């Protein structure tokens, strides 16, 4: 059997070894909307748990819109025009609208990258800024969260009359599912806040798992969101594996988000026969496999589950182009000490981890106890038996069938 596995902007062809039982695990998000702009306008005008966007924006002189950075396949170029149309109909002046790229602790976006994110026309007409997590003067302190995490948020948001958080919904390795108030925390928060919320993934018993929304991380982020005095409206979309908009949810940051999560859960969850001795996980191509740091999302979809999909002494093979190598987060630009420390809890759940990529240095992997292979065939070697392949692992919630 020949399989096409996403890799960067293309794919890698793989022929399974003779005698290998392959279980192909892929979510079914459905077909893209025929008219995404019309769908989004409908949602903005009929939101969940909130007044229509234009009604909320009427009288506002300063509005901030948060968009994801290039590590996410969020279709911001399709989402922004309907939002801007509604703001214009509400009388919000162009010069009063700013678009903030929620980079969190990731590297800043270059001007050409921001233009690609929002589109040339929008980039030329509106102010587009990177969030500055490490600049105290760009942040405002809001107090402490229930777990005593210092809450620091982007000043532009707090000086606005309205903030619109955009994003897309997918399974998330710590938050359960992405979207909602994650557009504030960690995307536009201070570094101290970012470190604090991410530390919750290390809680005893690992209560923060892929596809489980009721967890300490999400509870804390939502509590922080309630501390923000600026009126907040969200637009979260569901996209399929071809990066097409399938559905959209708009309105109250909690109510609309939970509705989006409920629908995403139906589409993302896939039954799995049994845990396998070999699991191949692909990030689903660019931009989800832009760096090894982002590769954690594919790896987590194998092991950060109540029932991991790999056997305890099994072999996980992580595939990705990783065109930016390890990623700035592992090169002194982020909050992580090193790859081995950051991934230690995941590495304990398997016998070995192999990375298949042309762009990650072998010596850095070996320092972390991770192997490197040039091809998937080399990584598998003479292994046989049962193998799971997850071509879009970060978008998949695998559930072991219990029989």
Protein backbone atom coordinates (compact mmCIF):
# COMPACT_ATOMS: atom_id res chain seq x y z
CA UNK A 1 0.00 0.00 0.00
CA UNK A 2 1.32 3.48 -0.92
CA UNK A 3 0.52 6.44 1.33
CA UNK A 4 0.94 10.20 0.83
CA UNK A 5 2.04 11.86 4.06
CA UNK A 6 1.98 15.69 4.32
CA UNK A 7 5.43 17.27 4.54
CA UNK A 8 5.94 21.03 4.27
CA UNK A 9 4.09 22.38 1.23
CA UNK A 10 3.99 18.93 -0.38
CA UNK A 11 3.95 15.30 0.67
CA UNK A 12 6.16 12.25 1.01
CA UNK A 13 5.25 8.94 -0.60
CA UNK A 14 5.57 5.93 1.66
CA UNK A 15 5.13 2.23 0.88
CA UNK A 16 4.34 0.14 3.93
CA UNK A 17 6.61 -2.87 4.52
CA UNK A 18 5.40 -6.36 3.60
CA UNK A 19 3.37 -7.80 6.45
CA UNK A 20 2.87 -4.47 8.19
CA UNK A 21 -0.70 -3.84 9.39
CA UNK A 22 -1.34 -0.11 8.88
CA UNK A 23 -4.14 1.80 10.58
CA UNK A 24 -4.64 5.19 8.88
CA UNK A 25 -6.09 7.66 11.40
CA UNK A 26 -7.49 10.80 9.80
CA UNK A 27 -10.22 13.18 11.03
CA UNK A 28 -13.20 14.07 8.85
CA UNK A 29 -13.81 17.80 9.12
CA UNK A 30 -16.05 17.94 6.07
CA UNK A 31 -16.14 20.02 2.91
CA UNK A 32 -15.26 23.68 2.85
CA UNK A 33 -18.05 26.27 2.83
CA UNK A 34 -19.17 27.33 -0.65
CA UNK A 35 -19.10 31.02 0.34
CA UNK A 36 -16.91 31.55 3.45
CA UNK A 37 -17.40 35.35 3.43
CA UNK A 38 -21.19 35.00 3.47
CA UNK A 39 -20.96 32.38 6.23
CA UNK A 40 -18.80 34.64 8.39
CA UNK A 41 -21.05 37.66 7.84
CA UNK A 42 -24.04 35.59 8.88
CA UNK A 43 -22.27 34.55 12.10
CA UNK A 44 -21.12 38.11 12.88
CA UNK A 45 -24.70 39.31 12.49
CA UNK A 46 -26.21 36.40 14.45
CA UNK A 47 -23.66 35.73 17.17
CA UNK A 48 -23.86 33.35 20.12
CA UNK A 49 -24.49 34.97 23.50
CA UNK A 50 -23.76 38.51 22.30
CA UNK A 51 -25.10 41.41 20.27
CA UNK A 52 -24.17 41.56 16.57
CA UNK A 53 -20.66 42.84 15.94
CA UNK A 54 -21.81 46.05 14.23
CA UNK A 55 -24.08 46.85 17.18
CA UNK A 56 -21.25 46.31 19.66
CA UNK A 57 -18.87 48.42 17.59
CA UNK A 58 -21.23 51.38 17.15
CA UNK A 59 -19.70 54.42 18.82
CA UNK A 60 -16.27 52.79 19.24
CA UNK A 61 -13.34 54.96 18.21
CA UNK A 62 -10.61 52.40 18.78
CA UNK A 63 -10.89 48.69 17.95
CA UNK A 64 -8.20 46.02 18.17
CA UNK A 65 -8.35 42.81 16.15
CA UNK A 66 -6.10 39.91 17.17
CA UNK A 67 -4.89 37.49 14.49
CA UNK A 68 -2.72 34.38 14.73
CA UNK A 69 0.89 34.33 13.57
CA UNK A 70 2.28 32.24 10.70
CA UNK A 71 2.69 29.11 12.84
CA UNK A 72 -1.09 28.64 12.55
CA UNK A 73 -3.03 27.94 9.34
CA UNK A 74 -5.74 30.38 10.41
CA UNK A 75 -7.41 31.85 7.29
CA UNK A 76 -7.10 35.44 8.52
CA UNK A 77 -7.18 36.83 4.98
CA UNK A 78 -10.70 35.44 4.63
CA UNK A 79 -11.83 36.32 8.14
CA UNK A 80 -10.76 39.96 8.24
CA UNK A 81 -12.76 41.46 5.33
CA UNK A 82 -16.21 40.61 6.81
CA UNK A 83 -15.08 41.92 10.20
CA UNK A 84 -13.83 45.16 8.67
CA UNK A 85 -17.05 45.47 6.66
CA UNK A 86 -19.09 45.34 9.86
CA UNK A 87 -16.81 47.81 11.64
CA UNK A 88 -17.16 50.20 8.71
CA UNK A 89 -20.95 49.89 8.79
CA UNK A 90 -20.80 50.75 12.49
CA UNK A 91 -18.86 53.93 11.74
CA UNK A 92 -15.50 52.89 13.20
CA UNK A 93 -12.80 54.99 11.47
CA UNK A 94 -10.05 53.15 9.59
CA UNK A 95 -7.40 54.97 11.60
CA UNK A 96 -9.00 53.70 14.80
CA UNK A 97 -8.56 50.02 13.87
CA UNK A 98 -5.36 48.14 14.61
CA UNK A 99 -4.51 44.51 13.95
CA UNK A 100 -2.24 42.82 16.51
CA UNK A 101 -0.45 39.59 15.61
CA UNK A 102 -0.66 37.34 18.68
CA UNK A 103 2.85 35.92 18.56
CA UNK A 104 2.93 35.03 22.27
CA UNK A 105 6.54 34.02 22.98
CA UNK A 106 7.19 33.04 19.35
CA UNK A 107 9.46 35.16 17.17
CA UNK A 108 8.10 38.39 15.74
CA UNK A 109 6.61 38.36 12.27
CA UNK A 110 8.51 40.18 9.54
CA UNK A 111 6.64 42.90 7.58
CA UNK A 112 6.35 40.65 4.53
CA UNK A 113 4.98 37.86 6.72
CA UNK A 114 2.39 40.17 8.25
CA UNK A 115 1.37 41.27 4.77
CA UNK A 116 0.94 37.61 3.78
CA UNK A 117 -1.13 37.01 6.92
CA UNK A 118 -3.67 39.77 6.38
CA UNK A 119 -3.38 40.41 2.64
CA UNK A 120 -1.70 43.32 0.79
CA UNK A 121 -4.78 45.57 0.70
CA UNK A 122 -5.48 45.33 4.43
CA UNK A 123 -1.78 45.63 5.25
CA UNK A 124 -1.56 48.88 3.27
CA UNK A 125 -4.67 50.43 4.84
CA UNK A 126 -4.55 49.37 8.49
CA UNK A 127 -1.97 49.38 11.27
CA UNK A 128 -0.61 45.84 11.76
CA UNK A 129 1.61 45.23 14.80
CA UNK A 130 3.46 42.39 16.49
CA UNK A 131 2.59 41.74 20.11
CA UNK A 132 5.53 42.49 22.43
CA UNK A 133 5.56 39.96 25.28
CA UNK A 134 8.97 41.08 26.60
CA UNK A 135 8.41 44.85 26.64
CA UNK A 136 7.00 45.99 30.03
CA UNK A 137 5.85 49.34 28.67
CA UNK A 138 3.67 47.49 26.13
CA UNK A 139 1.85 45.57 28.87
CA UNK A 140 -0.66 46.34 31.60
CA UNK A 141 -0.91 44.43 34.88
CA UNK A 142 -4.42 43.19 35.73
CA UNK A 143 -3.60 41.45 39.00
CA UNK A 144 -3.23 37.73 39.65
CA UNK A 145 -5.21 34.74 38.39
CA UNK A 146 -6.90 32.25 40.75
CA UNK A 147 -3.65 30.22 40.79
CA UNK A 148 -1.68 33.41 41.53
CA UNK A 149 -0.22 33.74 38.05
CA UNK A 150 0.59 37.41 37.28
CA UNK A 151 -1.78 38.61 34.55
CA UNK A 152 -0.14 40.98 32.04
CA UNK A 153 -1.87 41.88 28.77
CA UNK A 154 -1.11 43.91 25.66
CA UNK A 155 -1.68 47.61 26.33
CA UNK A 156 -3.32 48.20 22.93
CA UNK A 157 -6.16 45.86 23.91
CA UNK A 158 -6.82 47.59 27.20
CA UNK A 159 -6.85 51.02 25.57
CA UNK A 160 -9.46 49.89 23.01
CA UNK A 161 -13.24 50.27 23.11
CA UNK A 162 -13.65 46.77 21.66
CA UNK A 163 -11.38 43.82 20.96
CA UNK A 164 -12.10 41.09 18.42
CA UNK A 165 -10.22 37.82 18.87
CA UNK A 166 -9.93 35.70 15.74
CA UNK A 167 -8.60 32.18 15.46
CA UNK A 168 -9.43 28.62 14.53
CA UNK A 169 -10.46 25.64 16.60
CA UNK A 170 -8.40 22.46 16.74
CA UNK A 171 -7.37 19.93 19.38
CA UNK A 172 -4.68 21.48 21.58
CA UNK A 173 -1.94 19.73 23.52
CA UNK A 174 -2.54 21.69 26.73
CA UNK A 175 -5.77 23.70 26.43
CA UNK A 176 -7.80 20.73 25.18
CA UNK A 177 -8.91 22.82 22.21
CA UNK A 178 -7.57 26.08 20.83
CA UNK A 179 -9.53 29.31 20.38
CA UNK A 180 -11.52 31.53 22.71
CA UNK A 181 -9.60 33.46 25.35
CA UNK A 182 -6.33 31.86 24.19
CA UNK A 183 -6.19 34.87 21.88
CA UNK A 184 -5.37 36.85 25.04
CA UNK A 185 -3.54 34.26 27.11
CA UNK A 186 -0.95 33.39 25.93
CA UNK A 187 -1.11 35.04 22.47
CA UNK A 188 -1.06 38.67 23.63
CA UNK A 189 0.13 38.28 27.22
CA UNK A 190 3.36 39.15 28.97
CA UNK A 191 6.13 36.56 29.14
CA UNK A 192 5.61 36.03 32.88
CA UNK A 193 1.96 35.19 32.22
CA UNK A 194 2.84 32.93 29.29
CA UNK A 195 5.31 30.96 31.40
CA UNK A 196 2.82 30.72 34.25
CA UNK A 197 -0.05 29.28 32.24
CA UNK A 198 2.16 26.84 30.35
CA UNK A 199 3.57 25.55 33.64
CA UNK A 200 0.12 24.07 34.31
CA UNK A 201 0.89 21.31 31.80
CA UNK A 202 3.34 19.92 34.36
CA UNK A 203 0.72 19.44 37.10
CA UNK A 204 0.80 15.96 38.73
CA UNK A 205 -1.32 13.42 36.91
CA UNK A 206 -1.16 15.45 33.68
CA UNK A 207 -4.74 16.77 33.82
CA UNK A 208 -4.20 18.92 30.70
CA UNK A 209 -4.67 16.65 27.69
CA UNK A 210 -5.45 16.80 23.99
CA UNK A 211 -9.19 17.01 23.35
CA UNK A 212 -10.27 17.50 27.00
CA UNK A 213 -11.58 21.02 27.49
CA UNK A 214 -12.27 20.83 31.24
CA UNK A 215 -8.69 21.16 32.42
CA UNK A 216 -6.66 23.52 34.65
CA UNK A 217 -5.08 25.39 31.73
CA UNK A 218 -8.38 26.24 30.07
CA UNK A 219 -10.06 27.06 33.39
CA UNK A 220 -7.23 29.46 34.27
CA UNK A 221 -7.17 31.11 30.83
CA UNK A 222 -10.93 31.65 30.93
CA UNK A 223 -10.67 33.13 34.44
CA UNK A 224 -7.98 35.51 33.17
CA UNK A 225 -10.20 36.44 30.23
CA UNK A 226 -12.94 37.48 32.62
CA UNK A 227 -10.47 39.94 34.20
CA UNK A 228 -10.10 41.90 30.95
CA UNK A 229 -12.29 45.04 31.12
CA UNK A 230 -12.33 45.64 27.36
CA UNK A 231 -15.52 44.31 25.69
CA UNK A 232 -14.50 41.20 23.76
CA UNK A 233 -16.02 39.50 20.71
CA UNK A 234 -14.62 36.34 19.11
CA UNK A 235 -14.66 34.84 15.65
CA UNK A 236 -13.40 31.26 15.62
CA UNK A 237 -13.55 29.03 12.55
CA UNK A 238 -13.27 25.32 11.94
CA UNK A 239 -11.06 24.40 9.00
CA UNK A 240 -10.55 21.06 7.28
CA UNK A 241 -7.25 19.39 6.39
CA UNK A 242 -7.17 21.36 3.12
CA UNK A 243 -7.22 24.57 5.22
CA UNK A 244 -10.73 25.47 4.00
CA UNK A 245 -13.29 27.11 6.29
CA UNK A 246 -15.95 24.57 7.22
CA UNK A 247 -17.92 26.52 9.83
CA UNK A 248 -17.66 29.69 11.91
CA UNK A 249 -18.68 30.68 15.43
CA UNK A 250 -18.91 34.27 16.65
CA UNK A 251 -19.96 36.14 19.75
CA UNK A 252 -19.32 35.77 23.47
CA UNK A 253 -15.75 34.54 24.21
CA UNK A 254 -17.00 31.64 26.33
CA UNK A 255 -20.37 30.73 24.85
CA UNK A 256 -19.33 30.91 21.20
CA UNK A 257 -16.09 29.10 21.96
CA UNK A 258 -17.81 26.20 23.70
CA UNK A 259 -20.19 25.81 20.78
CA UNK A 260 -17.21 25.72 18.42
CA UNK A 261 -15.44 23.14 20.57
CA UNK A 262 -18.51 20.87 20.68
CA UNK A 263 -18.69 20.87 16.89
CA UNK A 264 -14.94 20.43 16.43
CA UNK A 265 -14.88 17.49 18.83
CA UNK A 266 -17.35 15.61 16.62
CA UNK A 267 -15.17 16.14 13.56
CA UNK A 268 -11.75 15.63 15.13
CA UNK A 269 -12.39 12.46 17.13
CA UNK A 270 -11.42 9.17 15.47
CA UNK A 271 -11.72 5.66 16.88
CA UNK A 272 -8.48 3.66 17.04
CA UNK A 273 -8.37 -0.16 17.14
CA UNK A 274 -5.59 -0.43 19.70
CA UNK A 275 -2.32 1.13 20.78
CA UNK A 276 0.47 0.33 18.34
CA UNK A 277 4.18 -0.45 18.68
CA UNK A 278 4.86 2.10 15.90
CA UNK A 279 3.07 5.41 15.39
CA UNK A 280 3.91 7.81 12.57
CA UNK A 281 2.74 11.37 13.28
CA UNK A 282 2.85 14.15 10.70
CA UNK A 283 2.11 17.78 11.51
CA UNK A 284 -0.11 17.95 8.44
CA UNK A 285 2.28 20.07 6.41
CA UNK A 286 3.10 23.78 6.47
CA UNK A 287 2.67 25.83 8.61
CA UNK A 288 2.00 23.26 11.33
CA UNK A 289 5.43 21.72 10.67
CA UNK A 290 7.24 25.05 10.35
CA UNK A 291 9.64 24.12 13.19
CA UNK A 292 10.36 21.26 15.55
CA UNK A 293 8.94 23.39 18.36
CA UNK A 294 5.58 23.29 16.58
CA UNK A 295 6.07 19.55 16.08
CA UNK A 296 5.09 19.09 19.72
CA UNK A 297 1.47 19.37 18.62
CA UNK A 298 1.76 16.26 16.45
CA UNK A 299 3.68 14.36 19.11
CA UNK A 300 1.20 15.32 21.83
CA UNK A 301 -1.66 13.88 19.77
CA UNK A 302 0.01 10.49 20.16
CA UNK A 303 0.91 10.57 23.85
CA UNK A 304 -0.85 13.41 25.68
CA UNK A 305 -4.07 11.44 25.96
CA UNK A 306 -5.79 9.54 28.71
CA UNK A 307 -4.93 6.43 26.64
CA UNK A 308 -1.79 7.02 24.54
CA UNK A 309 -1.88 5.60 21.01
CA UNK A 310 1.65 4.17 21.24
CA UNK A 311 2.53 1.16 23.36
CA UNK A 312 4.63 1.95 26.48
CA UNK A 313 7.85 0.70 24.86
CA UNK A 314 6.81 1.66 21.36
CA UNK A 315 8.37 3.80 18.68
CA UNK A 316 7.00 7.20 17.64
CA UNK A 317 8.17 8.66 14.34
CA UNK A 318 7.62 12.40 14.02
CA UNK A 319 7.60 13.64 10.41
CA UNK A 320 7.85 17.25 9.33
CA UNK A 321 9.73 19.59 7.07
CA UNK A 322 10.61 21.90 10.01
CA UNK A 323 11.97 24.50 7.61
CA UNK A 324 12.92 26.77 10.53
CA UNK A 325 14.85 23.97 12.21
CA UNK A 326 14.40 23.66 15.96
CA UNK A 327 12.55 26.97 16.13
CA UNK A 328 13.47 30.19 17.92
CA UNK A 329 11.92 28.87 21.14
CA UNK A 330 14.81 26.38 21.46
CA UNK A 331 17.47 28.85 20.30
CA UNK A 332 17.44 31.38 23.10
CA UNK A 333 14.41 33.30 21.87
CA UNK A 334 11.77 31.57 23.96
CA UNK A 335 10.97 30.25 27.40
CA UNK A 336 12.47 26.75 27.05
CA UNK A 337 15.83 25.59 28.36
CA UNK A 338 16.36 22.87 25.81
CA UNK A 339 14.56 20.28 23.72
CA UNK A 340 15.14 17.39 26.13
CA UNK A 341 13.75 19.30 29.11
CA UNK A 342 10.75 20.59 27.20
CA UNK A 343 9.76 17.17 25.87
CA UNK A 344 10.84 15.04 28.85
CA UNK A 345 7.33 14.04 29.94
CA UNK A 346 6.45 12.90 26.42
CA UNK A 347 9.67 10.97 25.92
CA UNK A 348 8.95 8.91 29.03
CA UNK A 349 5.81 7.51 27.39
CA UNK A 350 7.60 5.64 24.61
CA UNK A 351 10.62 3.46 23.97
CA UNK A 352 12.09 5.81 21.38
CA UNK A 353 11.35 8.85 19.28
CA UNK A 354 12.71 9.38 15.78
CA UNK A 355 12.45 12.61 13.80
CA UNK A 356 12.29 12.43 10.01
CA UNK A 357 13.28 15.84 8.66
CA UNK A 358 15.93 17.36 6.45
CA UNK A 359 16.20 20.54 8.52
CA UNK A 360 16.83 19.55 12.14
CA UNK A 361 20.45 19.07 13.30
CA UNK A 362 21.22 15.51 14.31
CA UNK A 363 23.47 16.49 17.22
CA UNK A 364 20.72 18.56 18.89
CA UNK A 365 18.31 15.65 18.67
CA UNK A 366 20.83 13.17 20.02
CA UNK A 367 21.56 15.46 22.98
CA UNK A 368 17.87 15.12 23.87
CA UNK A 369 17.85 11.34 23.40
CA UNK A 370 16.01 11.58 20.08
CA UNK A 371 17.06 9.78 16.92
CA UNK A 372 17.09 11.20 13.42
CA UNK A 373 16.35 9.43 10.14
CA UNK A 374 16.50 10.71 6.59
CA UNK A 375 13.43 8.78 5.44
CA UNK A 376 10.44 7.09 6.98
CA UNK A 377 11.69 3.75 5.63
CA UNK A 378 14.99 4.25 7.46
CA UNK A 379 13.15 5.12 10.67
CA UNK A 380 11.01 1.97 10.57
CA UNK A 381 13.86 -0.34 9.59
CA UNK A 382 12.97 -3.99 10.00
CA UNK A 383 10.10 -3.38 12.41
CA UNK A 384 6.83 -5.06 11.55
CA UNK A 385 3.41 -5.69 13.05
CA UNK A 386 0.82 -3.00 13.73
CA UNK A 387 1.51 0.61 12.77
CA UNK A 388 -0.65 3.72 13.11
CA UNK A 389 -0.20 6.59 10.65
CA UNK A 390 -1.62 10.01 11.59
CA UNK A 391 -1.19 12.30 8.55
CA UNK A 392 -2.81 15.28 10.30
CA UNK A 393 -1.94 14.49 13.90
CA UNK A 394 -2.42 17.99 15.43
CA UNK A 395 -6.00 18.02 14.15
CA UNK A 396 -6.83 14.53 15.42
CA UNK A 397 -8.14 13.18 18.71
CA UNK A 398 -7.56 9.45 18.67
CA UNK A 399 -9.70 7.41 21.08
CA UNK A 400 -8.88 3.77 21.69
CA UNK A 401 -11.85 1.49 21.13
CA UNK A 402 -12.74 -0.37 24.31
CA UNK A 403 -14.15 -3.78 23.69
